Amino acid sequence: MGLASGRHRFDFGLYRLGHRLALFAAGLSPLTETALWLSLFALLATAAAVRWAPLMAADRALLRWVNQGWAASWLDKLMAFFSDMGKMPLLWLLSLGWLLIFAVRKSGWRKGWTNWLKTVLMLAIAIGCADGLCSHVAKGLVHRERPPYLVKGVRLPKGVGSSLGFPSSHAANAFAAARVLSASAPPRWLWWLLATAIALSRVYLGVHFPADSVGGALLGLTVGALVVWMRQRLTTQSD
């Protein structure tokens, strides 16, 4: 009972923090928002790169709590599902289909189709840039190993990847997509919920420290907000 209540308090605390950040960012222009997320990412990446002791200690404690304290066979399957969402063609087809339906209902067939194509292009750019920055730039600069190589006794329900840990590409891709989708179509809460679940799943599965997922989320938000700003600029110029 104590563990369950503690987990619920942690979940609620994360939700409240994320909700407050979202409300704060909603009042900013996308370009200012980009600068905010990038600044926070740079601070966290620097702390991870220099192996800042308080961050390392907090990472280990939270990892053990989530990875071992929450352990359950049904949760292993659920978190594996969230972790693999990006590899599910049917899910992508359903999401893109919903975006098309929303765009057509909102603006009519011709304009809706054009807006849908723009959103798909924005998604592709945001996810591609977030993934590339994580895999080919940030991971090499920070050069922090994944949890199983630094902490003993980590549970690995799905095995562990061979690449470096910080930041999480899954989290970056998910939050980049959520930022673009939240500016394009409802339900906005669903995009943020799915992105959070994907980022959390990587910690639960033992393949990332919490800071890896947070760093990935911040980088994804940076890229997503920048893509939204670029679209707004292009739309304004074309008008």
C-alpha atoms as a PDB file:
ATOM      1  CA  MET A   1       0.000   0.000   0.000  1.00  0.00           C
ATOM      2  CA  GLY A   2       2.822   2.393   0.900  1.00  0.00           C
ATOM      3  CA  LEU A   3       4.616   1.753  -2.399  1.00  0.00           C
ATOM      4  CA  ALA A   4       1.433   2.201  -4.416  1.00  0.00           C
ATOM      5  CA  SER A   5       0.533   5.444  -2.680  1.00  0.00           C
ATOM      6  CA  GLY A   6       4.079   6.707  -3.129  1.00  0.00           C
ATOM      7  CA  ARG A   7       3.953   5.895  -6.825  1.00  0.00           C
ATOM      8  CA  HIS A   8       0.641   7.712  -7.200  1.00  0.00           C
ATOM      9  CA  ARG A   9       2.055  10.781  -5.425  1.00  0.00           C
ATOM     10  CA  PHE A  10       5.062  10.698  -7.744  1.00  0.00           C
ATOM     11  CA  ASP A  11       2.833  10.398 -10.831  1.00  0.00           C
ATOM     12  CA  PHE A  12       0.647  13.267  -9.632  1.00  0.00           C
ATOM     13  CA  GLY A  13       3.689  15.379  -8.852  1.00  0.00           C
ATOM     14  CA  LEU A  14       5.046  14.813 -12.357  1.00  0.00           C
ATOM     15  CA  TYR A  15       1.662  15.705 -13.835  1.00  0.00           C
ATOM     16  CA  ARG A  16       1.430  18.943 -11.832  1.00  0.00           C
ATOM     17  CA  LEU A  17       4.977  19.949 -12.772  1.00  0.00           C
ATOM     18  CA  GLY A  18       4.393  19.198 -16.444  1.00  0.00           C
ATOM     19  CA  HIS A  19       1.042  20.990 -16.387  1.00  0.00           C
ATOM     20  CA  ARG A  20       2.548  24.123 -14.852  1.00  0.00           C
ATOM     21  CA  LEU A  21       5.395  24.139 -17.356  1.00  0.00           C
ATOM     22  CA  ALA A  22       2.920  23.694 -20.212  1.00  0.00           C
ATOM     23  CA  LEU A  23       0.771  26.577 -18.962  1.00  0.00           C
ATOM     24  CA  PHE A  24       3.841  28.777 -18.623  1.00  0.00           C
ATOM     25  CA  ALA A  25       5.156  27.877 -22.077  1.00  0.00           C
ATOM     26  CA  ALA A  26       1.709  28.390 -23.622  1.00  0.00           C
ATOM     27  CA  GLY A  27       2.011  32.104 -22.892  1.00  0.00           C
ATOM     28  CA  LEU A  28       5.296  32.382 -24.792  1.00  0.00           C
ATOM     29  CA  SER A  29       5.950  32.780 -28.478  1.00  0.00           C
ATOM     30  CA  PRO A  30       7.309  29.590 -30.102  1.00  0.00           C
ATOM     31  CA  LEU A  31      10.718  31.233 -30.590  1.00  0.00           C
ATOM     32  CA  THR A  32      10.943  32.277 -26.920  1.00  0.00           C
ATOM     33  CA  GLU A  33       9.746  28.815 -25.963  1.00  0.00           C
ATOM     34  CA  THR A  34      12.514  27.317 -28.098  1.00  0.00           C
ATOM     35  CA  ALA A  35      15.116  29.366 -26.228  1.00  0.00           C
ATOM     36  CA  LEU A  36      13.656  28.302 -22.867  1.00  0.00           C
ATOM     37  CA  TRP A  37      13.719  24.567 -23.618  1.00  0.00           C
ATOM     38  CA  LEU A  38      17.183  24.798 -25.186  1.00  0.00           C
ATOM     39  CA  SER A  39      18.557  26.595 -22.118  1.00  0.00           C
ATOM     40  CA  LEU A  40      17.133  23.969 -19.767  1.00  0.00           C
ATOM     41  CA  PHE A  41      18.481  21.184 -21.969  1.00  0.00           C
ATOM     42  CA  ALA A  42      21.943  22.761 -22.028  1.00  0.00           C
ATOM     43  CA  LEU A  43      21.997  22.989 -18.224  1.00  0.00           C
ATOM     44  CA  LEU A  44      20.931  19.365 -17.787  1.00  0.00           C
ATOM     45  CA  ALA A  45      23.307  18.117 -20.490  1.00  0.00           C
ATOM     46  CA  THR A  46      26.206  19.943 -18.841  1.00  0.00           C
ATOM     47  CA  ALA A  47      25.350  18.434 -15.464  1.00  0.00           C
ATOM     48  CA  ALA A  48      25.209  14.962 -17.016  1.00  0.00           C
ATOM     49  CA  ALA A  49      28.447  15.464 -18.961  1.00  0.00           C
ATOM     50  CA  VAL A  50      30.460  16.499 -15.894  1.00  0.00           C
ATOM     51  CA  ARG A  51      28.808  13.744 -13.825  1.00  0.00           C
ATOM     52  CA  TRP A  52      27.439  16.248 -11.309  1.00  0.00           C
ATOM     53  CA  ALA A  53      27.132  14.264  -8.081  1.00  0.00           C
ATOM     54  CA  PRO A  54      23.637  15.436  -6.994  1.00  0.00           C
ATOM     55  CA  LEU A  55      22.225  14.597 -10.436  1.00  0.00           C
ATOM     56  CA  MET A  56      23.895  11.179 -10.488  1.00  0.00           C
ATOM     57  CA  ALA A  57      22.586  10.375  -7.009  1.00  0.00           C
ATOM     58  CA  ALA A  58      19.048  11.476  -7.861  1.00  0.00           C
ATOM     59  CA  ASP A  59      19.170   9.527 -11.126  1.00  0.00           C
ATOM     60  CA  ARG A  60      20.185   6.321  -9.377  1.00  0.00           C
ATOM     61  CA  ALA A  61      17.571   6.690  -6.645  1.00  0.00           C
ATOM     62  CA  LEU A  62      14.710   7.422  -9.057  1.00  0.00           C
ATOM     63  CA  LEU A  63      15.841   4.669 -11.418  1.00  0.00           C
ATOM     64  CA  ARG A  64      15.758   2.067  -8.649  1.00  0.00           C
ATOM     65  CA  TRP A  65      12.361   3.274  -7.497  1.00  0.00           C
ATOM     66  CA  VAL A  66      10.755   3.146 -10.934  1.00  0.00           C
ATOM     67  CA  ASN A  67      12.643   0.185 -12.402  1.00  0.00           C
ATOM     68  CA  GLN A  68      12.511  -2.070  -9.349  1.00  0.00           C
ATOM     69  CA  GLY A  69       9.907  -0.581  -7.027  1.00  0.00           C
ATOM     70  CA  TRP A  70       7.163  -0.541  -9.657  1.00  0.00           C
ATOM     71  CA  ALA A  71       8.028  -3.971 -11.081  1.00  0.00           C
ATOM     72  CA  ALA A  72       5.008  -5.999 -12.223  1.00  0.00           C
ATOM     73  CA  SER A  73       4.520  -8.378 -15.141  1.00  0.00           C
ATOM     74  CA  TRP A  74       1.522  -6.456 -16.512  1.00  0.00           C
ATOM     75  CA  LEU A  75       3.457  -3.189 -16.260  1.00  0.00           C
ATOM     76  CA  ASP A  76       6.382  -4.787 -18.115  1.00  0.00           C
ATOM     77  CA  LYS A  77       4.048  -5.426 -21.049  1.00  0.00           C
ATOM     78  CA  LEU A  78       2.379  -2.017 -20.890  1.00  0.00           C
ATOM     79  CA  MET A  79       5.673  -0.131 -20.753  1.00  0.00           C
ATOM     80  CA  ALA A  80       7.084  -2.248 -23.578  1.00  0.00           C
ATOM     81  CA  PHE A  81       4.015  -1.267 -25.621  1.00  0.00           C
ATOM     82  CA  PHE A  82       4.591   2.446 -24.977  1.00  0.00           C
ATOM     83  CA  SER A  83       8.294   2.082 -25.734  1.00  0.00           C
ATOM     84  CA  ASP A  84       7.560   0.457 -29.110  1.00  0.00           C
ATOM     85  CA  MET A  85       4.768   2.813 -30.173  1.00  0.00           C
ATOM     86  CA  GLY A  86       6.969   4.553 -32.716  1.00  0.00           C
ATOM     87  CA  LYS A  87       7.485   1.254 -34.539  1.00  0.00           C
ATOM     88  CA  MET A  88       3.764   0.510 -34.987  1.00  0.00           C
ATOM     89  CA  PRO A  89       2.592   1.288 -38.563  1.00  0.00           C
ATOM     90  CA  LEU A  90      -1.085   0.885 -37.651  1.00  0.00           C
ATOM     91  CA  LEU A  91      -0.802   3.485 -34.904  1.00  0.00           C
ATOM     92  CA  TRP A  92       0.822   5.935 -37.304  1.00  0.00           C
ATOM     93  CA  LEU A  93      -1.879   5.314 -39.904  1.00  0.00           C
ATOM     94  CA  LEU A  94      -4.632   5.897 -37.350  1.00  0.00           C
ATOM     95  CA  SER A  95      -2.978   9.091 -36.091  1.00  0.00           C
ATOM     96  CA  LEU A  96      -2.441  10.481 -39.590  1.00  0.00           C
ATOM     97  CA  GLY A  97      -5.980   9.501 -40.527  1.00  0.00           C
ATOM     98  CA  TRP A  98      -7.352  11.407 -37.548  1.00  0.00           C
ATOM     99  CA  LEU A  99      -5.275  14.452 -38.453  1.00  0.00           C
ATOM    100  CA  LEU A 100      -6.662  14.365 -41.998  1.00  0.00           C
ATOM    101  CA  ILE A 101     -10.259  14.051 -40.782  1.00  0.00           C
ATOM    102  CA  PHE A 102      -9.787  16.960 -38.373  1.00  0.00           C
ATOM    103  CA  ALA A 103      -8.139  19.151 -41.016  1.00  0.00           C
ATOM    104  CA  VAL A 104     -10.859  18.481 -43.608  1.00  0.00           C
ATOM    105  CA  ARG A 105     -13.704  19.042 -41.146  1.00  0.00           C
ATOM    106  CA  LYS A 106     -12.129  22.294 -39.977  1.00  0.00           C
ATOM    107  CA  SER A 107     -11.132  23.839 -43.315  1.00  0.00           C
ATOM    108  CA  GLY A 108     -12.818  21.900 -46.095  1.00  0.00           C
ATOM    109  CA  TRP A 109     -11.307  19.317 -48.398  1.00  0.00           C
ATOM    110  CA  ARG A 110      -8.850  21.399 -50.444  1.00  0.00           C
ATOM    111  CA  LYS A 111      -7.455  23.578 -47.668  1.00  0.00           C
ATOM    112  CA  GLY A 112      -7.707  20.748 -45.147  1.00  0.00           C
ATOM    113  CA  TRP A 113      -5.683  18.453 -47.389  1.00  0.00           C
ATOM    114  CA  THR A 114      -3.005  21.138 -47.774  1.00  0.00           C
ATOM    115  CA  ASN A 115      -2.884  21.761 -44.014  1.00  0.00           C
ATOM    116  CA  TRP A 116      -2.632  18.025 -43.397  1.00  0.00           C
ATOM    117  CA  LEU A 117       0.335  17.720 -45.744  1.00  0.00           C
ATOM    118  CA  LYS A 118       2.015  20.624 -43.947  1.00  0.00           C
ATOM    119  CA  THR A 119       1.458  18.949 -40.578  1.00  0.00           C
ATOM    120  CA  VAL A 120       2.871  15.643 -41.827  1.00  0.00           C
ATOM    121  CA  LEU A 121       5.914  17.481 -43.193  1.00  0.00           C
ATOM    122  CA  MET A 122       6.347  19.302 -39.874  1.00  0.00           C
ATOM    123  CA  LEU A 123       6.174  15.985 -38.021  1.00  0.00           C
ATOM    124  CA  ALA A 124       8.758  14.402 -40.287  1.00  0.00           C
ATOM    125  CA  ILE A 125      11.132  17.352 -39.904  1.00  0.00           C
ATOM    126  CA  ALA A 126      10.680  17.573 -36.123  1.00  0.00           C
ATOM    127  CA  ILE A 127      11.137  13.849 -35.485  1.00  0.00           C
ATOM    128  CA  GLY A 128      14.011  13.557 -37.949  1.00  0.00           C
ATOM    129  CA  CYS A 129      15.877  16.520 -36.462  1.00  0.00           C
ATOM    130  CA  ALA A 130      15.240  15.439 -32.864  1.00  0.00           C
ATOM    131  CA  ASP A 131      16.428  11.909 -33.583  1.00  0.00           C
ATOM    132  CA  GLY A 132      19.491  13.100 -35.475  1.00  0.00           C
ATOM    133  CA  LEU A 133      20.515  15.597 -32.802  1.00  0.00           C
ATOM    134  CA  CYS A 134      20.139  12.952 -30.095  1.00  0.00           C
ATOM    135  CA  SER A 135      21.859  10.081 -31.862  1.00  0.00           C
ATOM    136  CA  HIS A 136      24.622  11.889 -33.729  1.00  0.00           C
ATOM    137  CA  VAL A 137      25.357  14.986 -31.646  1.00  0.00           C
ATOM    138  CA  ALA A 138      24.174  15.052 -28.026  1.00  0.00           C
ATOM    139  CA  LYS A 139      24.925  11.436 -27.099  1.00  0.00           C
ATOM    140  CA  GLY A 140      28.519  11.788 -28.273  1.00  0.00           C
ATOM    141  CA  LEU A 141      29.031  15.115 -26.513  1.00  0.00           C
ATOM    142  CA  VAL A 142      27.665  13.994 -23.140  1.00  0.00           C
ATOM    143  CA  HIS A 143      28.934  10.412 -23.481  1.00  0.00           C
ATOM    144  CA  ARG A 144      27.055   8.867 -20.579  1.00  0.00           C
ATOM    145  CA  GLU A 145      26.452   5.125 -20.494  1.00  0.00           C
ATOM    146  CA  ARG A 146      23.076   3.506 -20.002  1.00  0.00           C
ATOM    147  CA  PRO A 147      22.021   2.379 -16.488  1.00  0.00           C
ATOM    148  CA  PRO A 148      22.992  -1.333 -16.742  1.00  0.00           C
ATOM    149  CA  TYR A 149      26.622  -0.326 -17.298  1.00  0.00           C
ATOM    150  CA  LEU A 150      26.697   2.003 -14.289  1.00  0.00           C
ATOM    151  CA  VAL A 151      24.254   0.523 -11.764  1.00  0.00           C
ATOM    152  CA  LYS A 152      24.034  -3.059 -10.529  1.00  0.00           C
ATOM    153  CA  GLY A 153      20.771  -4.987 -10.450  1.00  0.00           C
ATOM    154  CA  VAL A 154      18.871  -3.049 -13.125  1.00  0.00           C
ATOM    155  CA  ARG A 155      15.873  -4.968 -14.478  1.00  0.00           C
ATOM    156  CA  LEU A 156      15.858  -5.270 -18.280  1.00  0.00           C
ATOM    157  CA  PRO A 157      12.479  -6.657 -19.431  1.00  0.00           C
ATOM    158  CA  LYS A 158      13.355  -5.850 -23.063  1.00  0.00           C
ATOM    159  CA  GLY A 159      17.154  -5.899 -23.065  1.00  0.00           C
ATOM    160  CA  VAL A 160      19.369  -2.841 -23.465  1.00  0.00           C
ATOM    161  CA  GLY A 161      20.487  -0.822 -26.467  1.00  0.00           C
ATOM    162  CA  SER A 162      24.098  -0.507 -27.514  1.00  0.00           C
ATOM    163  CA  SER A 163      24.165   3.281 -27.925  1.00  0.00           C
ATOM    164  CA  LEU A 164      24.927   5.832 -25.218  1.00  0.00           C
ATOM    165  CA  GLY A 165      22.234   6.987 -22.818  1.00  0.00           C
ATOM    166  CA  PHE A 166      21.894  10.786 -22.655  1.00  0.00           C
ATOM    167  CA  PRO A 167      19.557  12.000 -24.039  1.00  0.00           C
ATOM    168  CA  SER A 168      16.813   9.485 -24.810  1.00  0.00           C
ATOM    169  CA  SER A 169      15.953   9.471 -28.515  1.00  0.00           C
ATOM    170  CA  HIS A 170      12.554   7.930 -27.745  1.00  0.00           C
ATOM    171  CA  ALA A 171      11.698  10.834 -25.442  1.00  0.00           C
ATOM    172  CA  ALA A 172      13.042  13.431 -27.870  1.00  0.00           C
ATOM    173  CA  ASN A 173      11.064  12.048 -30.800  1.00  0.00           C
ATOM    174  CA  ALA A 174       7.897  11.718 -28.731  1.00  0.00           C
ATOM    175  CA  PHE A 175       7.990  15.263 -27.357  1.00  0.00           C
ATOM    176  CA  ALA A 176       8.961  16.783 -30.697  1.00  0.00           C
ATOM    177  CA  ALA A 177       5.917  15.085 -32.220  1.00  0.00           C
ATOM    178  CA  ALA A 178       3.684  16.105 -29.301  1.00  0.00           C
ATOM    179  CA  ARG A 179       4.725  19.752 -29.629  1.00  0.00           C
ATOM    180  CA  VAL A 180       3.885  19.801 -33.337  1.00  0.00           C
ATOM    181  CA  LEU A 181       0.620  17.913 -32.879  1.00  0.00           C
ATOM    182  CA  SER A 182      -0.475  20.109 -29.970  1.00  0.00           C
ATOM    183  CA  ALA A 183      -0.292  23.086 -32.336  1.00  0.00           C
ATOM    184  CA  SER A 184      -2.171  21.259 -35.086  1.00  0.00           C
ATOM    185  CA  ALA A 185      -5.023  19.129 -33.767  1.00  0.00           C
ATOM    186  CA  PRO A 186      -6.875  18.019 -30.624  1.00  0.00           C
ATOM    187  CA  PRO A 187      -6.932  16.250 -28.292  1.00  0.00           C
ATOM    188  CA  ARG A 188      -3.823  18.057 -27.105  1.00  0.00           C
ATOM    189  CA  TRP A 189      -3.798  16.292 -23.735  1.00  0.00           C
ATOM    190  CA  LEU A 190      -3.511  12.937 -25.527  1.00  0.00           C
ATOM    191  CA  TRP A 191      -0.331  13.897 -27.397  1.00  0.00           C
ATOM    192  CA  TRP A 192       1.321  15.031 -24.159  1.00  0.00           C
ATOM    193  CA  LEU A 193       0.113  11.978 -22.257  1.00  0.00           C
ATOM    194  CA  LEU A 194       1.528   9.583 -24.867  1.00  0.00           C
ATOM    195  CA  ALA A 195       4.848  11.437 -24.982  1.00  0.00           C
ATOM    196  CA  THR A 196       5.136  11.284 -21.187  1.00  0.00           C
ATOM    197  CA  ALA A 197       4.275   7.572 -21.167  1.00  0.00           C
ATOM    198  CA  ILE A 198       6.949   6.852 -23.779  1.00  0.00           C
ATOM    199  CA  ALA A 199       9.596   8.798 -21.848  1.00  0.00           C
ATOM    200  CA  LEU A 200       8.649   7.119 -18.560  1.00  0.00           C
ATOM    201  CA  SER A 201       8.652   3.661 -20.163  1.00  0.00           C
ATOM    202  CA  ARG A 202      12.342   3.996 -20.982  1.00  0.00           C
ATOM    203  CA  VAL A 203      13.169   4.501 -17.305  1.00  0.00           C
ATOM    204  CA  TYR A 204      10.901   1.675 -16.181  1.00  0.00           C
ATOM    205  CA  LEU A 205      12.502  -0.706 -18.684  1.00  0.00           C
ATOM    206  CA  GLY A 206      15.934   0.150 -17.278  1.00  0.00           C
ATOM    207  CA  VAL A 207      17.452   1.460 -20.505  1.00  0.00           C
ATOM    208  CA  HIS A 208      17.637   5.127 -19.466  1.00  0.00           C
ATOM    209  CA  PHE A 209      18.167   7.193 -16.350  1.00  0.00           C
ATOM    210  CA  PRO A 210      15.385   9.689 -15.547  1.00  0.00           C
ATOM    211  CA  ALA A 211      17.639  12.573 -16.616  1.00  0.00           C
ATOM    212  CA  ASP A 212      18.098  10.876 -20.003  1.00  0.00           C
ATOM    213  CA  SER A 213      14.358  10.970 -20.593  1.00  0.00           C
ATOM    214  CA  VAL A 214      13.987  14.515 -19.267  1.00  0.00           C
ATOM    215  CA  GLY A 215      16.880  15.645 -21.446  1.00  0.00           C
ATOM    216  CA  GLY A 216      15.328  13.966 -24.466  1.00  0.00           C
ATOM    217  CA  ALA A 217      11.995  15.625 -23.727  1.00  0.00           C
ATOM    218  CA  LEU A 218      13.628  19.066 -23.476  1.00  0.00           C
ATOM    219  CA  LEU A 219      15.501  18.569 -26.740  1.00  0.00           C
ATOM    220  CA  GLY A 220      12.333  17.349 -28.433  1.00  0.00           C
ATOM    221  CA  LEU A 221      10.409  20.372 -27.167  1.00  0.00           C
ATOM    222  CA  THR A 222      13.165  22.634 -28.463  1.00  0.00           C
ATOM    223  CA  VAL A 223      12.977  21.157 -31.948  1.00  0.00           C
ATOM    224  CA  GLY A 224       9.179  20.970 -31.952  1.00  0.00           C
ATOM    225  CA  ALA A 225       8.737  24.590 -30.879  1.00  0.00           C
ATOM    226  CA  LEU A 226      11.254  25.733 -33.493  1.00  0.00           C
ATOM    227  CA  VAL A 227       9.405  23.855 -36.250  1.00  0.00           C
ATOM    228  CA  VAL A 228       6.096  25.410 -35.138  1.00  0.00           C
ATOM    229  CA  TRP A 229       7.710  28.859 -35.214  1.00  0.00           C
ATOM    230  CA  MET A 230       9.081  28.255 -38.707  1.00  0.00           C
ATOM    231  CA  ARG A 231       5.647  27.241 -39.952  1.00  0.00           C
ATOM    232  CA  GLN A 232       4.082  30.353 -38.441  1.00  0.00           C
ATOM    233  CA  ARG A 233       6.710  32.517 -40.136  1.00  0.00           C
ATOM    234  CA  LEU A 234       6.166  30.882 -43.510  1.00  0.00           C
ATOM    235  CA  THR A 235       2.381  31.157 -43.154  1.00  0.00           C
ATOM    236  CA  THR A 236       2.634  34.862 -42.272  1.00  0.00           C
ATOM    237  CA  GLN A 237       4.915  35.563 -45.226  1.00  0.00           C
ATOM    238  CA  SER A 238       2.646  33.711 -47.670  1.00  0.00           C
ATOM    239  CA  ASP A 239      -0.376  35.707 -46.454  1.00  0.00           C
END
